Amino acid sequence: MTPRLQFHHGHTNGDKIMSAEERLIELEIRVAEQEKTIDELSSVLTEQWKTVDQLSKKLNALTNRFLELEEQAAPDVPVTKPPHW
């Protein structure tokens, strides 16, 4: 984490003194970096949603296929107790 910027009109022991222009430049750099990060995260999120959508469609197709197969097999399988009952 970057330390907070401090703006002083006078000298203070141990503090970095920044002019208003230096502070503005530093803030502009931070904003630009944050915008880049937001753009990157947005791209990743878009790709993840595409993947989720594709997987959801595949799951629905497999579920439907499973139900079709289950319906086809159901009449042929008698429901009986196992021999040891």
Protein backbone atom coordinates (compact mmCIF):
# COMPACT_ATOMS: atom_id res chain seq x y z
CA MET A 1 0.00 0.00 0.00
CA THR A 2 1.34 3.40 -0.95
CA PRO A 3 1.63 5.85 1.93
CA ARG A 4 -0.83 8.71 1.96
CA LEU A 5 0.30 11.84 0.23
CA GLN A 6 0.87 14.78 2.47
CA PHE A 7 0.72 18.41 1.51
CA HIS A 8 2.42 20.94 3.72
CA HIS A 9 3.28 24.57 3.26
CA GLY A 10 6.23 24.29 5.61
CA HIS A 11 8.85 21.72 6.47
CA THR A 12 7.97 18.94 8.89
CA ASN A 13 10.55 16.50 10.17
CA GLY A 14 10.28 13.09 8.49
CA ASP A 15 7.45 14.05 6.14
CA LYS A 16 7.88 14.21 2.41
CA ILE A 17 6.93 17.68 1.28
CA MET A 18 5.09 17.71 -2.04
CA SER A 19 4.06 20.68 -4.06
CA ALA A 20 0.49 20.93 -5.29
CA GLU A 21 1.68 20.08 -8.80
CA GLU A 22 3.57 16.98 -7.61
CA ARG A 23 0.53 15.86 -5.64
CA LEU A 24 -1.73 16.37 -8.66
CA ILE A 25 0.63 14.36 -10.88
CA GLU A 26 0.75 11.54 -8.31
CA LEU A 27 -3.04 11.47 -8.10
CA GLU A 28 -3.37 11.44 -11.90
CA ILE A 29 -0.97 8.49 -12.06
CA ARG A 30 -3.02 6.61 -9.47
CA VAL A 31 -6.27 7.31 -11.33
CA ALA A 32 -4.73 6.08 -14.61
CA GLU A 33 -3.52 2.88 -12.91
CA GLN A 34 -6.95 2.30 -11.37
CA GLU A 35 -8.68 2.83 -14.72
CA LYS A 36 -6.34 0.26 -16.29
CA THR A 37 -7.09 -2.21 -13.50
CA ILE A 38 -10.84 -1.67 -13.85
CA ASP A 39 -10.62 -2.26 -17.62
CA GLU A 40 -8.64 -5.48 -17.07
CA LEU A 41 -11.10 -6.73 -14.45
CA SER A 42 -14.02 -5.89 -16.72
CA SER A 43 -12.49 -7.95 -19.53
CA VAL A 44 -11.91 -10.91 -17.22
CA LEU A 45 -15.46 -10.67 -15.90
CA THR A 46 -16.88 -10.59 -19.44
CA GLU A 47 -14.95 -13.75 -20.36
CA GLN A 48 -16.09 -15.48 -17.17
CA TRP A 49 -19.73 -14.68 -17.93
CA LYS A 50 -19.31 -16.12 -21.43
CA THR A 51 -17.92 -19.30 -19.89
CA VAL A 52 -20.73 -19.49 -17.32
CA ASP A 53 -23.30 -19.05 -20.10
CA GLN A 54 -21.71 -21.82 -22.21
CA LEU A 55 -21.55 -24.18 -19.23
CA SER A 56 -25.15 -23.42 -18.32
CA LYS A 57 -26.29 -24.29 -21.85
CA LYS A 58 -24.29 -27.53 -21.79
CA LEU A 59 -25.73 -28.45 -18.39
CA ASN A 60 -29.27 -27.87 -19.64
CA ALA A 61 -28.61 -29.99 -22.74
CA LEU A 62 -27.13 -32.81 -20.64
CA THR A 63 -30.01 -32.62 -18.16
CA ASN A 64 -32.55 -32.87 -20.97
CA ARG A 65 -30.67 -35.79 -22.53
CA PHE A 66 -30.47 -37.56 -19.18
CA LEU A 67 -34.22 -37.13 -18.64
CA GLU A 68 -34.92 -38.50 -22.14
CA LEU A 69 -32.77 -41.55 -21.47
CA GLU A 70 -34.36 -42.04 -18.07
CA GLU A 71 -37.85 -41.96 -19.61
CA GLN A 72 -36.83 -44.50 -22.26
CA ALA A 73 -35.36 -46.89 -19.70
CA ALA A 74 -38.10 -46.60 -17.07
CA PRO A 75 -40.75 -48.95 -18.58
CA ASP A 76 -38.24 -51.75 -19.14
CA VAL A 77 -37.00 -51.84 -15.55
CA PRO A 78 -39.41 -53.58 -13.17
CA VAL A 79 -39.46 -52.38 -9.59
CA THR A 80 -38.89 -55.48 -7.47
CA LYS A 81 -37.37 -56.24 -4.12
CA PRO A 82 -33.89 -57.74 -4.14
CA PRO A 83 -33.78 -61.51 -3.52
CA HIS A 84 -32.45 -61.14 0.03
CA TRP A 85 -35.62 -59.28 1.18
